[in-house]
Amino acid sequence: MTHELTSRKLLTVVCEASLERAIVADLARLGARGCTITDARGHGAHGERDGLWPPSANIRIEILCDLAVAEAIALNLKSRYYAQYSMVIFIADVQVLRPDKF
């Protein structure tokens, strides 16, 4: 049985955990068919985010989708949240099996 790989985009958002509910609603509205959310820790321009108490908790949201959806989500999140919240967004090229899911 042959499985063909298909190109998709992996949109990754690392942000404050307090934004989870709002961002999940944004994702659905902007065409994402699903996402994976995990806890995230690290340090960078905004200092250390160790997640030991809720105000310092971060999450990592990953969405597999096509380019149009990835761009729409990235631009929307940037315009809505970048000015007031710690957030990083990046998009990578990936290969997936079962592309109909994404």
PDB file of N, CA and C in Angstrom:
ATOM      1  N   MET A   1       0.850  -1.185   0.000  1.00  0.00           N
ATOM      2  CA  MET A   1       0.000   0.000   0.000  1.00  0.00           C
ATOM      3  C   MET A   1       0.892   1.244   0.000  1.00  0.00           C
ATOM      4  N   THR A   2       0.666   2.140  -0.916  1.00  0.00           N
ATOM      5  CA  THR A   2       1.469   3.346  -1.045  1.00  0.00           C
ATOM      6  C   THR A   2       0.764   4.521  -0.370  1.00  0.00           C
ATOM      7  N   HIS A   3       1.532   5.245   0.415  1.00  0.00           N
ATOM      8  CA  HIS A   3       1.004   6.458   1.063  1.00  0.00           C
ATOM      9  C   HIS A   3       1.708   7.659   0.451  1.00  0.00           C
ATOM     10  N   GLU A   4       0.929   8.589  -0.036  1.00  0.00           N
ATOM     11  CA  GLU A   4       1.510   9.789  -0.615  1.00  0.00           C
ATOM     12  C   GLU A   4       1.555  10.892   0.416  1.00  0.00           C
ATOM     13  N   LEU A   5       2.688  11.561   0.470  1.00  0.00           N
ATOM     14  CA  LEU A   5       2.824  12.720   1.336  1.00  0.00           C
ATOM     15  C   LEU A   5       2.325  13.948   0.584  1.00  0.00           C
ATOM     16  N   THR A   6       1.680  14.829   1.311  1.00  0.00           N
ATOM     17  CA  THR A   6       1.116  16.045   0.733  1.00  0.00           C
ATOM     18  C   THR A   6       1.634  17.244   1.518  1.00  0.00           C
ATOM     19  N   SER A   7       1.934  18.320   0.824  1.00  0.00           N
ATOM     20  CA  SER A   7       2.441  19.530   1.475  1.00  0.00           C
ATOM     21  C   SER A   7       1.337  20.263   2.216  1.00  0.00           C
ATOM     22  N   ARG A   8       1.644  20.695   3.407  1.00  0.00           N
ATOM     23  CA  ARG A   8       0.790  21.555   4.211  1.00  0.00           C
ATOM     24  C   ARG A   8       1.698  22.518   4.967  1.00  0.00           C
ATOM     25  N   LYS A   9       1.096  23.447   5.667  1.00  0.00           N
ATOM     26  CA  LYS A   9       1.828  24.376   6.523  1.00  0.00           C
ATOM     27  C   LYS A   9       1.589  23.990   7.981  1.00  0.00           C
ATOM     28  N   LEU A  10       2.620  24.119   8.784  1.00  0.00           N
ATOM     29  CA  LEU A  10       2.504  23.967  10.229  1.00  0.00           C
ATOM     30  C   LEU A  10       2.621  25.363  10.818  1.00  0.00           C
ATOM     31  N   LEU A  11       1.517  25.877  11.306  1.00  0.00           N
ATOM     32  CA  LEU A  11       1.476  27.181  11.948  1.00  0.00           C
ATOM     33  C   LEU A  11       1.620  26.939  13.446  1.00  0.00           C
ATOM     34  N   THR A  12       2.631  27.544  14.045  1.00  0.00           N
ATOM     35  CA  THR A  12       2.875  27.390  15.471  1.00  0.00           C
ATOM     36  C   THR A  12       2.737  28.741  16.146  1.00  0.00           C
ATOM     37  N   VAL A  13       1.982  28.755  17.239  1.00  0.00           N
ATOM     38  CA  VAL A  13       1.768  29.960  18.028  1.00  0.00           C
ATOM     39  C   VAL A  13       2.208  29.639  19.454  1.00  0.00           C
ATOM     40  N   VAL A  14       3.127  30.417  19.984  1.00  0.00           N
ATOM     41  CA  VAL A  14       3.512  30.304  21.387  1.00  0.00           C
ATOM     42  C   VAL A  14       3.052  31.594  22.041  1.00  0.00           C
ATOM     43  N   CYS A  15       2.220  31.455  23.072  1.00  0.00           N
ATOM     44  CA  CYS A  15       1.607  32.645  23.664  1.00  0.00           C
ATOM     45  C   CYS A  15       1.243  32.403  25.128  1.00  0.00           C
ATOM     46  N   GLU A  16       0.740  33.432  25.745  1.00  0.00           N
ATOM     47  CA  GLU A  16       0.283  33.344  27.117  1.00  0.00           C
ATOM     48  C   GLU A  16      -0.920  32.409  27.206  1.00  0.00           C
ATOM     49  N   ALA A  17      -0.909  31.546  28.205  1.00  0.00           N
ATOM     50  CA  ALA A  17      -1.974  30.556  28.365  1.00  0.00           C
ATOM     51  C   ALA A  17      -3.347  31.202  28.539  1.00  0.00           C
ATOM     52  N   SER A  18      -3.391  32.403  29.061  1.00  0.00           N
ATOM     53  CA  SER A  18      -4.675  33.077  29.273  1.00  0.00           C
ATOM     54  C   SER A  18      -5.414  33.349  27.964  1.00  0.00           C
ATOM     55  N   LEU A  19      -4.729  33.268  26.834  1.00  0.00           N
ATOM     56  CA  LEU A  19      -5.346  33.519  25.527  1.00  0.00           C
ATOM     57  C   LEU A  19      -5.953  32.276  24.892  1.00  0.00           C
ATOM     58  N   GLU A  20      -5.793  31.107  25.506  1.00  0.00           N
ATOM     59  CA  GLU A  20      -6.188  29.857  24.857  1.00  0.00           C
ATOM     60  C   GLU A  20      -7.625  29.875  24.346  1.00  0.00           C
ATOM     61  N   ARG A  21      -8.565  30.190  25.174  1.00  0.00           N
ATOM     62  CA  ARG A  21      -9.973  30.135  24.774  1.00  0.00           C
ATOM     63  C   ARG A  21     -10.267  31.077  23.609  1.00  0.00           C
ATOM     64  N   ALA A  22      -9.757  32.295  23.680  1.00  0.00           N
ATOM     65  CA  ALA A  22     -10.002  33.266  22.611  1.00  0.00           C
ATOM     66  C   ALA A  22      -9.353  32.833  21.303  1.00  0.00           C
ATOM     67  N   ILE A  23      -8.136  32.314  21.378  1.00  0.00           N
ATOM     68  CA  ILE A  23      -7.445  31.907  20.154  1.00  0.00           C
ATOM     69  C   ILE A  23      -8.106  30.686  19.530  1.00  0.00           C
ATOM     70  N   VAL A  24      -8.532  29.727  20.329  1.00  0.00           N
ATOM     71  CA  VAL A  24      -9.220  28.555  19.780  1.00  0.00           C
ATOM     72  C   VAL A  24     -10.483  28.997  19.025  1.00  0.00           C
ATOM     73  N   ALA A  25     -11.198  29.963  19.556  1.00  0.00           N
ATOM     74  CA  ALA A  25     -12.376  30.487  18.856  1.00  0.00           C
ATOM     75  C   ALA A  25     -11.966  31.167  17.549  1.00  0.00           C
ATOM     76  N   ASP A  26     -10.876  31.931  17.578  1.00  0.00           N
ATOM     77  CA  ASP A  26     -10.373  32.574  16.357  1.00  0.00           C
ATOM     78  C   ASP A  26     -10.010  31.529  15.307  1.00  0.00           C
ATOM     79  N   LEU A  27      -9.340  30.455  15.732  1.00  0.00           N
ATOM     80  CA  LEU A  27      -8.905  29.423  14.793  1.00  0.00           C
ATOM     81  C   LEU A  27     -10.094  28.809  14.062  1.00  0.00           C
ATOM     82  N   ALA A  28     -11.130  28.476  14.798  1.00  0.00           N
ATOM     83  CA  ALA A  28     -12.318  27.870  14.187  1.00  0.00           C
ATOM     84  C   ALA A  28     -12.962  28.836  13.193  1.00  0.00           C
ATOM     85  N   ARG A  29     -13.043  30.088  13.566  1.00  0.00           N
ATOM     86  CA  ARG A  29     -13.657  31.100  12.709  1.00  0.00           C
ATOM     87  C   ARG A  29     -12.846  31.334  11.430  1.00  0.00           C
ATOM     88  N   LEU A  30     -11.533  31.143  11.511  1.00  0.00           N
ATOM     89  CA  LEU A  30     -10.651  31.431  10.383  1.00  0.00           C
ATOM     90  C   LEU A  30     -10.326  30.207   9.523  1.00  0.00           C
ATOM     91  N   GLY A  31     -10.955  29.063   9.816  1.00  0.00           N
ATOM     92  CA  GLY A  31     -10.838  27.922   8.921  1.00  0.00           C
ATOM     93  C   GLY A  31      -9.959  26.772   9.374  1.00  0.00           C
ATOM     94  N   ALA A  32      -9.383  26.842  10.574  1.00  0.00           N
ATOM     95  CA  ALA A  32      -8.590  25.702  11.059  1.00  0.00           C
ATOM     96  C   ALA A  32      -9.535  24.543  11.354  1.00  0.00           C
ATOM     97  N   ARG A  33      -9.124  23.347  10.995  1.00  0.00           N
ATOM     98  CA  ARG A  33      -9.965  22.165  11.231  1.00  0.00           C
ATOM     99  C   ARG A  33      -9.656  21.516  12.566  1.00  0.00           C
ATOM    100  N   GLY A  34      -8.647  22.013  13.262  1.00  0.00           N
ATOM    101  CA  GLY A  34      -8.271  21.481  14.567  1.00  0.00           C
ATOM    102  C   GLY A  34      -6.932  22.055  14.968  1.00  0.00           C
ATOM    103  N   CYS A  35      -6.506  21.729  16.171  1.00  0.00           N
ATOM    104  CA  CYS A  35      -5.216  22.189  16.651  1.00  0.00           C
ATOM    105  C   CYS A  35      -4.746  21.272  17.780  1.00  0.00           C
ATOM    106  N   THR A  36      -3.476  21.369  18.098  1.00  0.00           N
ATOM    107  CA  THR A  36      -2.896  20.679  19.238  1.00  0.00           C
ATOM    108  C   THR A  36      -2.331  21.741  20.159  1.00  0.00           C
ATOM    109  N   ILE A  37      -2.646  21.635  21.449  1.00  0.00           N
ATOM    110  CA  ILE A  37      -2.194  22.624  22.427  1.00  0.00           C
ATOM    111  C   ILE A  37      -1.402  21.909  23.511  1.00  0.00           C
ATOM    112  N   THR A  38      -0.198  22.427  23.793  1.00  0.00           N
ATOM    113  CA  THR A  38       0.640  21.884  24.849  1.00  0.00           C
ATOM    114  C   THR A  38       1.176  23.016  25.711  1.00  0.00           C
ATOM    115  N   ASP A  39       1.548  22.685  26.941  1.00  0.00           N
ATOM    116  CA  ASP A  39       2.193  23.666  27.807  1.00  0.00           C
ATOM    117  C   ASP A  39       3.584  23.951  27.266  1.00  0.00           C
ATOM    118  N   ALA A  40       4.055  25.184  27.454  1.00  0.00           N
ATOM    119  CA  ALA A  40       5.378  25.582  26.956  1.00  0.00           C
ATOM    120  C   ALA A  40       6.097  26.413  28.012  1.00  0.00           C
ATOM    121  N   ARG A  41       7.397  26.240  28.067  1.00  0.00           N
ATOM    122  CA  ARG A  41       8.241  27.031  28.962  1.00  0.00           C
ATOM    123  C   ARG A  41       9.433  27.537  28.159  1.00  0.00           C
ATOM    124  N   GLY A  42      10.057  28.616  28.620  1.00  0.00           N
ATOM    125  CA  GLY A  42      11.250  29.116  27.946  1.00  0.00           C
ATOM    126  C   GLY A  42      11.609  30.500  28.425  1.00  0.00           C
ATOM    127  N   HIS A  43      12.542  31.119  27.720  1.00  0.00           N
ATOM    128  CA  HIS A  43      12.905  32.491  28.031  1.00  0.00           C
ATOM    129  C   HIS A  43      13.295  33.191  26.733  1.00  0.00           C
ATOM    130  N   GLY A  44      13.161  34.498  26.767  1.00  0.00           N
ATOM    131  CA  GLY A  44      13.450  35.295  25.577  1.00  0.00           C
ATOM    132  C   GLY A  44      13.321  36.768  25.895  1.00  0.00           C
ATOM    133  N   ALA A  45      12.892  37.537  24.929  1.00  0.00           N
ATOM    134  CA  ALA A  45      12.813  38.990  25.062  1.00  0.00           C
ATOM    135  C   ALA A  45      11.912  39.446  26.203  1.00  0.00           C
ATOM    136  N   HIS A  46      10.907  38.639  26.533  1.00  0.00           N
ATOM    137  CA  HIS A  46       9.983  38.997  27.606  1.00  0.00           C
ATOM    138  C   HIS A  46      10.367  38.364  28.936  1.00  0.00           C
ATOM    139  N   GLY A  47      11.581  37.851  29.042  1.00  0.00           N
ATOM    140  CA  GLY A  47      12.040  37.236  30.280  1.00  0.00           C
ATOM    141  C   GLY A  47      11.759  35.746  30.289  1.00  0.00           C
ATOM    142  N   GLU A  48      11.828  35.161  31.471  1.00  0.00           N
ATOM    143  CA  GLU A  48      11.604  33.726  31.612  1.00  0.00           C
ATOM    144  C   GLU A  48      10.133  33.442  31.822  1.00  0.00           C
ATOM    145  N   ARG A  49       9.637  32.431  31.131  1.00  0.00           N
ATOM    146  CA  ARG A  49       8.250  31.977  31.253  1.00  0.00           C
ATOM    147  C   ARG A  49       8.322  30.550  31.773  1.00  0.00           C
ATOM    148  N   ASP A  50       8.326  30.412  33.116  1.00  0.00           N
ATOM    149  CA  ASP A  50       8.535  29.093  33.701  1.00  0.00           C
ATOM    150  C   ASP A  50       7.251  28.319  33.953  1.00  0.00           C
ATOM    151  N   GLY A  51       6.103  28.974  33.872  1.00  0.00           N
ATOM    152  CA  GLY A  51       4.827  28.296  34.031  1.00  0.00           C
ATOM    153  C   GLY A  51       4.503  27.874  35.444  1.00  0.00           C
ATOM    154  N   LEU A  52       5.276  28.341  36.427  1.00  0.00           N
ATOM    155  CA  LEU A  52       5.044  27.926  37.805  1.00  0.00           C
ATOM    156  C   LEU A  52       3.794  28.543  38.421  1.00  0.00           C
ATOM    157  N   TRP A  53       3.316  29.632  37.865  1.00  0.00           N
ATOM    158  CA  TRP A  53       2.060  30.219  38.321  1.00  0.00           C
ATOM    159  C   TRP A  53       1.343  30.762  37.094  1.00  0.00           C
ATOM    160  N   PRO A  54       0.017  30.796  37.116  1.00  0.00           N
ATOM    161  CA  PRO A  54      -0.760  31.090  35.897  1.00  0.00           C
ATOM    162  C   PRO A  54      -0.327  32.319  35.101  1.00  0.00           C
ATOM    163  N   PRO A  55       0.017  33.458  35.728  1.00  0.00           N
ATOM    164  CA  PRO A  55       0.407  34.597  34.892  1.00  0.00           C
ATOM    165  C   PRO A  55       1.678  34.365  34.073  1.00  0.00           C
ATOM    166  N   SER A  56       2.486  33.364  34.436  1.00  0.00           N
ATOM    167  CA  SER A  56       3.702  33.113  33.658  1.00  0.00           C
ATOM    168  C   SER A  56       3.593  31.842  32.810  1.00  0.00           C
ATOM    169  N   ALA A  57       2.392  31.311  32.657  1.00  0.00           N
ATOM    170  CA  ALA A  57       2.204  30.093  31.868  1.00  0.00           C
ATOM    171  C   ALA A  57       2.089  30.419  30.377  1.00  0.00           C
ATOM    172  N   ASN A  58       2.730  29.602  29.580  1.00  0.00           N
ATOM    173  CA  ASN A  58       2.661  29.715  28.121  1.00  0.00           C
ATOM    174  C   ASN A  58       2.099  28.431  27.545  1.00  0.00           C
ATOM    175  N   ILE A  59       1.537  28.543  26.362  1.00  0.00           N
ATOM    176  CA  ILE A  59       1.090  27.376  25.614  1.00  0.00           C
ATOM    177  C   ILE A  59       1.683  27.432  24.213  1.00  0.00           C
ATOM    178  N   ARG A  60       1.725  26.279  23.578  1.00  0.00           N
ATOM    179  CA  ARG A  60       2.150  26.152  22.186  1.00  0.00           C
ATOM    180  C   ARG A  60       0.964  25.561  21.437  1.00  0.00           C
ATOM    181  N   ILE A  61       0.499  26.276  20.422  1.00  0.00           N
ATOM    182  CA  ILE A  61      -0.637  25.837  19.612  1.00  0.00           C
ATOM    183  C   ILE A  61      -0.101  25.514  18.228  1.00  0.00           C
ATOM    184  N   GLU A  62      -0.403  24.305  17.746  1.00  0.00           N
ATOM    185  CA  GLU A  62       0.047  23.888  16.424  1.00  0.00           C
ATOM    186  C   GLU A  62      -1.158  23.578  15.555  1.00  0.00           C
ATOM    187  N   ILE A  63      -1.143  24.123  14.341  1.00  0.00           N
ATOM    188  CA  ILE A  63      -2.241  23.946  13.402  1.00  0.00           C
ATOM    189  C   ILE A  63      -1.657  23.486  12.070  1.00  0.00           C
ATOM    190  N   LEU A  64      -2.141  22.379  11.541  1.00  0.00           N
ATOM    191  CA  LEU A  64      -1.787  21.937  10.195  1.00  0.00           C
ATOM    192  C   LEU A  64      -2.881  22.419   9.256  1.00  0.00           C
ATOM    193  N   CYS A  65      -2.493  23.113   8.183  1.00  0.00           N
ATOM    194  CA  CYS A  65      -3.488  23.708   7.294  1.00  0.00           C
ATOM    195  C   CYS A  65      -2.831  24.097   5.977  1.00  0.00           C
ATOM    196  N   ASP A  66      -3.617  24.661   5.081  1.00  0.00           N
ATOM    197  CA  ASP A  66      -3.037  25.150   3.840  1.00  0.00           C
ATOM    198  C   ASP A  66      -2.514  26.577   4.036  1.00  0.00           C
ATOM    199  N   LEU A  67      -1.818  27.081   3.028  1.00  0.00           N
ATOM    200  CA  LEU A  67      -1.178  28.393   3.139  1.00  0.00           C
ATOM    201  C   LEU A  67      -2.181  29.513   3.404  1.00  0.00           C
ATOM    202  N   ALA A  68      -3.306  29.509   2.729  1.00  0.00           N
ATOM    203  CA  ALA A  68      -4.286  30.588   2.889  1.00  0.00           C
ATOM    204  C   ALA A  68      -4.796  30.661   4.330  1.00  0.00           C
ATOM    205  N   VAL A  69      -5.086  29.516   4.922  1.00  0.00           N
ATOM    206  CA  VAL A  69      -5.572  29.495   6.302  1.00  0.00           C
ATOM    207  C   VAL A  69      -4.452  29.929   7.254  1.00  0.00           C
ATOM    208  N   ALA A  70      -3.234  29.431   7.032  1.00  0.00           N
ATOM    209  CA  ALA A  70      -2.103  29.812   7.892  1.00  0.00           C
ATOM    210  C   ALA A  70      -1.873  31.311   7.870  1.00  0.00           C
ATOM    211  N   GLU A  71      -1.903  31.904   6.693  1.00  0.00           N
ATOM    212  CA  GLU A  71      -1.700  33.352   6.586  1.00  0.00           C
ATOM    213  C   GLU A  71      -2.839  34.124   7.242  1.00  0.00           C
ATOM    214  N   ALA A  72      -4.072  33.692   7.020  1.00  0.00           N
ATOM    215  CA  ALA A  72      -5.217  34.382   7.623  1.00  0.00           C
ATOM    216  C   ALA A  72      -5.135  34.345   9.149  1.00  0.00           C
ATOM    217  N   ILE A  73      -4.795  33.198   9.701  1.00  0.00           N
ATOM    218  CA  ILE A  73      -4.685  33.071  11.158  1.00  0.00           C
ATOM    219  C   ILE A  73      -3.542  33.931  11.674  1.00  0.00           C
ATOM    220  N   ALA A  74      -2.373  33.821  11.045  1.00  0.00           N
ATOM    221  CA  ALA A  74      -1.201  34.576  11.514  1.00  0.00           C
ATOM    222  C   ALA A  74      -1.464  36.079  11.508  1.00  0.00           C
ATOM    223  N   LEU A  75      -2.018  36.587  10.428  1.00  0.00           N
ATOM    224  CA  LEU A  75      -2.284  38.028  10.343  1.00  0.00           C
ATOM    225  C   LEU A  75      -3.331  38.467  11.358  1.00  0.00           C
ATOM    226  N   ASN A  76      -4.365  37.646  11.546  1.00  0.00           N
ATOM    227  CA  ASN A  76      -5.406  37.978  12.518  1.00  0.00           C
ATOM    228  C   ASN A  76      -4.846  38.006  13.940  1.00  0.00           C
ATOM    229  N   LEU A  77      -4.099  36.965  14.307  1.00  0.00           N
ATOM    230  CA  LEU A  77      -3.544  36.923  15.659  1.00  0.00           C
ATOM    231  C   LEU A  77      -2.571  38.073  15.891  1.00  0.00           C
ATOM    232  N   LYS A  78      -1.762  38.377  14.885  1.00  0.00           N
ATOM    233  CA  LYS A  78      -0.828  39.501  15.011  1.00  0.00           C
ATOM    234  C   LYS A  78      -1.584  40.797  15.271  1.00  0.00           C
ATOM    235  N   SER A  79      -2.604  41.066  14.505  1.00  0.00           N
ATOM    236  CA  SER A  79      -3.328  42.333  14.654  1.00  0.00           C
ATOM    237  C   SER A  79      -4.109  42.403  15.970  1.00  0.00           C
ATOM    238  N   ARG A  80      -4.597  41.277  16.452  1.00  0.00           N
ATOM    239  CA  ARG A  80      -5.406  41.275  17.683  1.00  0.00           C
ATOM    240  C   ARG A  80      -4.596  41.213  18.973  1.00  0.00           C
ATOM    241  N   TYR A  81      -3.438  40.533  18.958  1.00  0.00           N
ATOM    242  CA  TYR A  81      -2.781  40.221  20.221  1.00  0.00           C
ATOM    243  C   TYR A  81      -1.339  40.707  20.379  1.00  0.00           C
ATOM    244  N   TYR A  82      -0.609  40.937  19.296  1.00  0.00           N
ATOM    245  CA  TYR A  82       0.822  41.245  19.410  1.00  0.00           C
ATOM    246  C   TYR A  82       1.111  42.468  20.278  1.00  0.00           C
ATOM    247  N   ALA A  83       0.291  43.487  20.204  1.00  0.00           N
ATOM    248  CA  ALA A  83       0.587  44.732  20.930  1.00  0.00           C
ATOM    249  C   ALA A  83       0.491  44.574  22.444  1.00  0.00           C
ATOM    250  N   GLN A  84      -0.365  43.675  22.927  1.00  0.00           N
ATOM    251  CA  GLN A  84      -0.596  43.586  24.371  1.00  0.00           C
ATOM    252  C   GLN A  84      -0.120  42.293  25.023  1.00  0.00           C
ATOM    253  N   TYR A  85       0.228  41.272  24.250  1.00  0.00           N
ATOM    254  CA  TYR A  85       0.559  39.972  24.820  1.00  0.00           C
ATOM    255  C   TYR A  85       1.874  39.450  24.266  1.00  0.00           C
ATOM    256  N   SER A  86       2.521  38.586  25.030  1.00  0.00           N
ATOM    257  CA  SER A  86       3.698  37.882  24.532  1.00  0.00           C
ATOM    258  C   SER A  86       3.211  36.806  23.564  1.00  0.00           C
ATOM    259  N   MET A  87       3.720  36.845  22.342  1.00  0.00           N
ATOM    260  CA  MET A  87       3.289  35.887  21.337  1.00  0.00           C
ATOM    261  C   MET A  87       4.339  35.779  20.244  1.00  0.00           C
ATOM    262  N   VAL A  88       4.578  34.552  19.801  1.00  0.00           N
ATOM    263  CA  VAL A  88       5.446  34.285  18.664  1.00  0.00           C
ATOM    264  C   VAL A  88       4.659  33.396  17.707  1.00  0.00           C
ATOM    265  N   ILE A  89       4.739  33.715  16.425  1.00  0.00           N
ATOM    266  CA  ILE A  89       4.063  32.920  15.398  1.00  0.00           C
ATOM    267  C   ILE A  89       5.087  32.565  14.330  1.00  0.00           C
ATOM    268  N   PHE A  90       5.109  31.293  13.935  1.00  0.00           N
ATOM    269  CA  PHE A  90       5.937  30.918  12.802  1.00  0.00           C
ATOM    270  C   PHE A  90       5.250  29.841  11.978  1.00  0.00           C
ATOM    271  N   ILE A  91       5.634  29.799  10.703  1.00  0.00           N
ATOM    272  CA  ILE A  91       5.027  28.874   9.750  1.00  0.00           C
ATOM    273  C   ILE A  91       6.142  28.063   9.093  1.00  0.00           C
ATOM    274  N   ALA A  92       5.948  26.746   9.040  1.00  0.00           N
ATOM    275  CA  ALA A  92       6.930  25.860   8.424  1.00  0.00           C
ATOM    276  C   ALA A  92       6.243  24.975   7.385  1.00  0.00           C
ATOM    277  N   ASP A  93       7.015  24.565   6.391  1.00  0.00           N
ATOM    278  CA  ASP A  93       6.532  23.606   5.408  1.00  0.00           C
ATOM    279  C   ASP A  93       6.653  22.206   5.991  1.00  0.00           C
ATOM    280  N   VAL A  94       5.605  21.406   5.863  1.00  0.00           N
ATOM    281  CA  VAL A  94       5.614  20.024   6.344  1.00  0.00           C
ATOM    282  C   VAL A  94       4.965  19.119   5.310  1.00  0.00           C
ATOM    283  N   GLN A  95       5.164  17.837   5.471  1.00  0.00           N
ATOM    284  CA  GLN A  95       4.542  16.820   4.638  1.00  0.00           C
ATOM    285  C   GLN A  95       3.639  15.980   5.534  1.00  0.00           C
ATOM    286  N   VAL A  96       2.410  15.724   5.099  1.00  0.00           N
ATOM    287  CA  VAL A  96       1.460  14.977   5.913  1.00  0.00           C
ATOM    288  C   VAL A  96       0.880  13.796   5.139  1.00  0.00           C
ATOM    289  N   LEU A  97       0.478  12.807   5.877  1.00  0.00           N
ATOM    290  CA  LEU A  97      -0.352  11.729   5.355  1.00  0.00           C
ATOM    291  C   LEU A  97      -1.792  12.093   5.690  1.00  0.00           C
ATOM    292  N   ARG A  98      -2.747  11.540   4.980  1.00  0.00           N
ATOM    293  CA  ARG A  98      -4.167  11.851   5.208  1.00  0.00           C
ATOM    294  C   ARG A  98      -4.436  13.361   5.110  1.00  0.00           C
ATOM    295  N   PRO A  99      -4.095  13.992   3.988  1.00  0.00           N
ATOM    296  CA  PRO A  99      -4.241  15.428   3.850  1.00  0.00           C
ATOM    297  C   PRO A  99      -5.680  15.926   3.967  1.00  0.00           C
ATOM    298  N   ASP A 100      -6.652  15.052   3.771  1.00  0.00           N
ATOM    299  CA  ASP A 100      -8.046  15.455   3.866  1.00  0.00           C
ATOM    300  C   ASP A 100      -8.405  15.915   5.280  1.00  0.00           C
ATOM    301  N   LYS A 101      -7.618  15.545   6.280  1.00  0.00           N
ATOM    302  CA  LYS A 101      -7.858  15.981   7.657  1.00  0.00           C
ATOM    303  C   LYS A 101      -7.449  17.442   7.889  1.00  0.00           C
ATOM    304  N   PHE A 102      -6.595  17.980   7.005  1.00  0.00           N
ATOM    305  CA  PHE A 102      -6.029  19.297   7.231  1.00  0.00           C
ATOM    306  C   PHE A 102      -6.380  20.242   6.109  1.00  0.00           C
TER     307      PHE A 102
END
